[in-house]
Protein backbone atom coordinates (compact mmCIF):
# COMPACT_ATOMS: atom_id res chain seq x y z
CA MET A 1 1.79 21.11 -7.29
CA PRO A 2 0.47 24.70 -6.72
CA PRO A 3 3.26 27.53 -5.46
CA HIS A 4 1.53 27.85 -2.20
CA VAL A 5 1.83 24.33 -1.74
CA VAL A 6 5.28 24.05 -2.74
CA MET A 7 6.42 26.93 -0.53
CA ARG A 8 4.93 24.71 2.41
CA LEU A 9 6.72 22.25 1.67
CA ILE A 10 9.95 24.15 1.44
CA ARG A 11 9.44 25.65 5.01
CA LEU A 12 9.11 22.19 6.27
CA VAL A 13 12.13 20.47 5.23
CA GLU A 14 14.31 23.97 5.34
CA ASN A 15 15.72 23.42 8.82
CA ARG A 16 16.57 19.79 8.46
CA LEU A 17 18.07 20.12 4.88
CA ILE A 18 20.38 23.30 6.61
CA ARG A 19 21.36 21.07 9.70
CA GLU A 20 22.64 18.27 7.19
CA ARG A 21 24.54 19.97 4.99
CA SER A 22 27.40 22.35 5.26
CA THR A 23 27.47 23.02 1.41
CA ALA A 24 24.82 24.64 0.36
CA ILE A 25 22.56 24.39 -2.79
CA PRO A 26 19.57 26.69 -1.40
CA THR A 27 16.65 24.75 0.06
CA HIS A 28 14.03 26.13 -2.16
CA LEU A 29 16.18 24.87 -5.39
CA SER A 30 17.01 21.36 -3.43
CA VAL A 31 13.19 21.13 -2.95
CA LEU A 32 11.97 22.27 -6.50
CA ILE A 33 14.82 20.26 -8.22
CA THR A 34 13.61 16.87 -6.61
CA LEU A 35 10.15 17.59 -7.32
CA ARG A 36 10.91 17.79 -10.81
CA PHE A 37 12.78 14.87 -11.04
CA LEU A 38 10.07 12.57 -9.44
CA ALA A 39 7.02 14.21 -11.44
CA GLU A 40 9.02 14.12 -14.85
CA GLY A 41 10.55 10.68 -14.02
CA GLY A 42 13.84 12.20 -15.03
CA LEU A 43 12.88 11.24 2.74
CA GLN A 44 12.59 8.38 4.01
CA LYS A 45 9.08 7.84 5.86
CA ASP A 46 8.43 9.61 8.45
CA ASP A 47 5.52 11.54 10.09
CA PHE A 48 3.51 11.50 6.97
CA ILE A 49 2.94 7.74 6.46
CA ARG A 50 1.57 6.46 9.95
CA PHE A 51 0.03 2.99 10.44
CA PRO A 52 -2.90 3.57 12.60
CA GLY A 53 -1.84 3.35 16.27
CA THR A 54 -4.56 4.10 18.73
CA GLU A 55 -7.84 2.67 19.18
CA GLY A 56 -9.13 5.87 17.77
CA GLN A 57 -7.46 5.82 14.75
CA ARG A 58 -8.44 2.01 14.01
CA GLU A 59 -12.16 3.26 15.07
CA HIS A 60 -12.11 6.09 12.56
CA ASN A 61 -10.44 4.49 9.79
CA SER A 62 -13.01 1.34 10.23
CA ASN A 63 -15.85 3.84 10.43
CA ARG A 64 -14.59 5.44 7.12
CA PHE A 65 -14.72 2.07 5.49
CA GLN A 66 -18.03 1.35 6.62
CA ARG A 67 -19.67 4.17 4.85
CA THR A 68 -19.65 1.65 1.85
CA THR A 69 -19.87 -1.85 3.06
CA ARG A 70 -20.86 -4.40 5.62
CA ILE A 71 -17.72 -5.92 6.12
CA PRO A 72 -16.45 -4.83 9.80
CA GLY A 73 -13.51 -3.34 10.93
CA ILE A 74 -11.29 -2.57 8.03
CA ILE A 75 -8.84 -0.36 8.57
CA GLY A 76 -6.67 -0.42 5.37
CA ALA A 77 -6.31 -2.23 2.03
CA VAL A 78 -3.25 -3.74 0.69
CA ASP A 79 -1.60 -4.10 -2.56
CA GLY A 80 1.45 -4.29 -4.26
CA PHE A 81 3.71 -2.88 -7.89
CA MET A 82 6.54 -3.32 -9.69
CA VAL A 83 8.94 -0.47 -10.05
CA THR A 84 11.86 -1.61 -12.51
CA PHE A 85 15.62 -0.64 -12.71
CA TYR A 86 18.86 -1.29 -14.52
CA ARG A 87 20.31 -4.66 -13.32
CA PRO A 88 22.76 -4.41 -10.39
CA THR A 89 26.31 -5.63 -10.41
CA ILE A 90 26.03 -7.40 -7.12
CA ASN A 91 22.69 -10.06 -5.98
CA GLU A 92 21.09 -9.51 -9.26
CA GLU A 93 19.01 -12.67 -8.85
CA ALA A 94 17.28 -11.26 -5.95
CA PHE A 95 15.89 -8.58 -7.69
CA PHE A 96 14.68 -10.52 -10.94
CA ASN A 97 11.17 -10.49 -11.34
CA TYR A 98 10.00 -13.39 -14.33
CA ARG A 99 7.07 -10.98 -15.25
CA VAL A 100 9.00 -7.24 -15.12
CA GLY A 101 12.73 -8.12 -15.10
CA THR A 102 15.05 -6.56 -12.61
CA SER A 103 12.62 -4.85 -10.00
CA MET A 104 11.38 -3.67 -6.55
CA ASN A 105 7.64 -4.72 -5.12
CA VAL A 106 6.26 -2.06 -3.34
CA GLN A 107 3.82 -3.01 -1.10
CA ILE A 108 1.33 -0.52 0.11
CA ILE A 109 -1.68 -0.15 2.57
CA VAL A 110 -3.96 2.57 2.20
CA ASP A 111 -7.02 3.87 3.97
CA SER A 112 -10.61 4.80 2.46
CA ASP A 113 -9.22 8.05 1.46
CA TYR A 114 -6.20 7.29 -0.37
CA ASN A 115 -3.66 7.84 2.46
CA ILE A 116 -0.46 5.82 2.48
CA LEU A 117 -0.45 4.49 5.84
CA ASN A 118 2.34 1.85 5.34
CA ILE A 119 5.01 0.72 2.63
CA ARG A 120 7.48 -1.91 2.05
CA VAL A 121 9.54 -1.95 -0.88
CA CYS A 122 11.47 -5.82 -1.07
CA PRO A 123 13.53 -7.18 -4.10
CA GLY A 124 11.32 -8.53 -7.17
CA SER A 125 11.63 -12.15 -6.56
CA ASN A 126 9.27 -11.73 -3.93
CA ASN A 127 5.87 -11.99 -4.71
CA ASP A 128 2.77 -9.95 -3.15
CA ARG A 129 1.97 -12.87 -0.70
CA PHE A 130 5.50 -13.14 0.57
CA VAL A 131 6.04 -9.22 1.16
CA TRP A 132 2.99 -9.17 3.32
CA GLN A 133 3.77 -12.40 5.21
CA PHE A 134 6.81 -11.01 6.64
CA SER A 135 6.31 -7.75 7.04
CA GLU A 136 5.83 -5.96 10.47
CA ALA A 137 2.05 -4.55 9.74
CA LYS A 138 1.28 -8.17 9.62
CA GLU A 139 3.05 -8.58 12.71
CA TYR A 140 1.47 -5.66 14.56
CA MET A 141 -2.18 -6.84 13.17
CA GLU A 142 -1.52 -10.00 14.82
CA ASP A 143 -0.22 -8.93 17.86
CA LEU A 144 -3.15 -6.38 18.27
CA ARG A 145 -5.58 -9.66 17.76
CA ALA A 146 -4.28 -11.63 20.34
CA ASP A 147 -4.17 -8.67 23.16
CA GLU A 148 -7.29 -8.92 25.29
CA ASN A 149 -6.97 -5.43 25.92
CA PHE A 150 -8.26 -4.65 22.48
CA PRO A 151 -11.35 -6.81 21.71
CA ASN A 152 -12.40 -5.30 18.44
CA ARG A 153 -11.51 -7.19 15.31
CA TYR A 154 -9.70 -4.84 12.75
CA TYR A 155 -8.66 -6.42 9.10
CA ILE A 156 -6.72 -5.69 6.10
CA ILE A 157 -8.27 -6.88 2.85
CA GLY A 158 -6.47 -7.98 0.15
CA ASP A 159 -6.66 -9.81 -3.32
CA SER A 160 -6.61 -13.70 -3.77
CA GLY A 161 -3.09 -13.78 -4.10
CA TYR A 162 -2.54 -13.24 -0.42
CA THR A 163 -3.19 -16.02 2.02
CA PRO A 164 -6.33 -15.29 4.14
CA SER A 165 -6.11 -15.02 7.94
CA ARG A 166 -7.26 -14.10 10.95
CA VAL A 167 -6.53 -10.11 10.12
CA LEU A 168 -6.38 -10.59 6.37
CA LEU A 169 -9.35 -10.96 4.31
CA THR A 170 -9.69 -12.13 0.64
CA PRO A 171 -12.85 -12.20 -1.93
CA ASP A 172 -14.17 -15.95 -2.51
CA LEU A 173 -13.86 -16.40 -5.91
CA ASN A 174 -15.50 -19.93 -5.78
CA ALA A 175 -18.84 -18.57 -4.48
CA ALA A 176 -22.17 -19.52 -6.26
CA GLU A 177 -23.49 -16.07 -7.93
CA GLY A 178 -26.09 -14.89 -5.68
CA SER A 179 -24.88 -16.34 -2.83
CA PRO A 180 -24.23 -14.33 0.62
CA ALA A 181 -20.59 -15.26 -0.13
CA HIS A 182 -21.04 -13.84 -3.38
CA VAL A 183 -22.13 -10.50 -1.99
CA TYR A 184 -19.43 -10.52 0.31
CA THR A 185 -16.85 -11.11 -2.70
CA LEU A 186 -18.43 -8.18 -4.67
CA GLU A 187 -18.27 -5.69 -1.68
CA HIS A 188 -15.08 -6.92 -0.69
CA VAL A 189 -13.75 -6.12 -4.69
CA ARG A 190 -15.27 -2.77 -4.72
CA THR A 191 -13.78 -1.85 -1.33
CA ARG A 192 -10.53 -3.18 -2.07
CA CYS A 193 -10.10 -1.05 -5.18
CA ILE A 194 -9.11 1.73 -3.28
CA VAL A 195 -5.64 0.64 -3.03
CA GLU A 196 -5.57 -0.24 -7.14
CA ARG A 197 -6.76 3.67 -7.37
CA THR A 198 -4.07 4.90 -4.69
CA ILE A 199 -1.10 2.89 -6.91
CA GLY A 200 -2.73 4.47 -10.16
CA ILE A 201 -2.43 7.86 -8.79
CA LEU A 202 0.82 7.57 -7.57
CA THR A 203 2.44 6.01 -10.52
CA ASN A 204 0.64 9.05 -12.48
CA VAL A 205 1.30 11.64 -10.61
CA TRP A 206 5.07 10.46 -9.94
CA LEU A 207 6.16 9.09 -13.51
CA VAL A 208 9.68 8.40 -11.92
CA ILE A 209 8.05 5.13 -10.54
CA ASP A 210 5.77 3.95 -13.02
CA ARG A 211 6.24 0.84 -14.84
CA SER A 212 6.66 2.22 -18.11
CA ARG A 213 9.83 3.95 -16.74
CA LYS A 214 13.61 1.99 -16.07
CA LEU A 215 15.37 3.85 -13.26
CA HIS A 216 19.29 4.23 -13.60
CA TYR A 217 20.11 3.61 -10.04
CA SER A 218 21.38 1.32 -7.29
CA PRO A 219 18.72 -0.50 -5.10
CA GLU A 220 19.34 1.51 -2.17
CA ALA A 221 18.61 4.76 -4.36
CA VAL A 222 15.49 2.96 -5.74
CA VAL A 223 14.13 2.38 -2.23
CA ASN A 224 14.76 6.17 -1.41
CA ILE A 225 13.02 7.31 -4.46
CA ILE A 226 9.84 4.83 -4.08
CA HIS A 227 9.75 6.34 -0.27
CA ALA A 228 9.95 9.67 -0.98
CA CYS A 229 7.23 9.66 -3.63
CA ALA A 230 4.97 7.90 -1.20
CA VAL A 231 5.87 10.73 1.76
CA LEU A 232 5.11 13.16 -1.40
CA HIS A 233 1.53 11.70 -2.15
CA ASN A 234 0.48 12.24 1.44
CA PHE A 235 1.89 15.01 1.62
CA ARG A 236 -0.15 16.46 -1.45
CA ARG A 237 -3.17 15.29 -0.19
CA ARG A 238 -3.07 17.02 3.19
CA GLN A 239 -2.71 19.95 1.29
CA GLY A 240 -6.10 19.64 -0.33
CA ILE A 241 -4.85 18.08 -3.86
CA LEU A 242 -7.27 16.06 -4.53
CA ASP A 243 -6.44 14.00 -7.94
CA GLU A 244 -9.32 14.30 -10.82
CA ASN A 245 -9.06 10.72 -11.75
CA ASP A 246 -9.47 9.64 -8.08
CA HIS A 247 -12.57 7.98 -8.91
CA ASN A 248 -11.90 6.83 -12.69
CA PHE A 249 -9.31 4.47 -12.13
CA GLN A 250 -10.68 1.19 -12.38
CA PRO A 251 -9.56 -1.69 -10.76
CA ALA A 252 -8.38 -5.28 -12.43
CA GLU A 253 -11.26 -7.93 -13.16
CA LEU A 254 -11.97 -10.73 -10.31
CA ARG A 255 -9.27 -12.90 -11.50
CA ASP A 256 -8.15 -16.29 -9.80
CA ASP A 257 -4.49 -16.09 -8.73
CA VAL A 258 -3.11 -19.08 -8.00
CA ASN A 259 -2.15 -18.61 -4.26
CA ARG A 260 0.87 -20.97 -3.05
CA ARG A 261 1.04 -21.97 0.58
CA GLY A 262 3.64 -23.37 2.22
CA ARG A 263 3.26 -25.99 5.19
CA GLY A 264 3.49 -23.53 7.72
CA GLU A 265 0.80 -21.75 6.38
CA ALA A 266 -1.97 -24.48 5.94
CA ALA A 267 -3.32 -23.43 9.68
CA GLU A 268 -3.30 -19.64 9.13
CA TYR A 269 -5.28 -20.19 5.68
CA ALA A 270 -7.68 -22.58 7.64
CA ALA A 271 -8.46 -19.96 10.38
CA GLY A 272 -8.67 -17.06 7.65
CA ILE A 273 -11.18 -18.76 5.77
CA ALA A 274 -13.04 -19.62 8.95
CA GLU A 275 -12.88 -15.98 9.87
CA ARG A 276 -14.24 -15.02 6.24
CA ASN A 277 -16.83 -17.46 7.01
CA HIS A 278 -17.79 -15.87 10.27
CA ILE A 279 -18.04 -12.44 8.91
CA ILE A 280 -20.38 -13.70 5.65
CA THR A 281 -22.48 -15.49 8.38
CA GLN A 282 -22.93 -12.59 10.51
CA HIS A 283 -23.21 -9.79 8.08
CA PHE A 284 -24.75 -10.99 4.87
CA MET A 285 -27.27 -13.22 5.43
């Protein structure tokens, strides 16, 4: 970070650190040490991470997304990534992921400008679908959809690893080439890659959470480190630090992720497919 941005950060947290500590490492030194640790790999969520809570904010996010897609009502894109750490001595099986080992599964929802709107960190044994399925963000979106005082339809977009629903739109990987559903899917993928690029930026700037690293901390400390990196990601962007590789991070190719659904999700899945088909009919035909 440039020096003037670091000074703003120091002024922002100085009073809080003074209140919480009777001893004292100087505030500026605490901030500089923390920034160096997070950046070199060697704050809980607060005002810097906010899900759009008003109609004006939701409409703003939707309009920003619709600059590049015909899919209406998108207010965020969701995806997950893994942060690995050394095996804990308690409940170690909860954190074991068969692909990467002991880890946390980090779900983020982002807007069209690479800002993180929501973050949820779960033990690595949980897949992306499960993390979303029991998240506050999903509950909020469903409550919003059910509220007759808010007639506008808003959506989160995610890849095919998620269960489609009335509030989460996924691609149609079985669409015939050239069909309206195929065009929808191409726009969906191009739009959704904003979250994949954000993950690339986040983990390239704060190498402590890059998958190539393995943290030597307790699960609780790992969660706090992840949250701190997310807060600082948004803080940097608010200060005008826009990473040069924003538009160079290439998303993964389309893949047919197996979407395993429990019995209770069958109705949700059917409603999600119907919602997607409605959008294709209304906006892509």
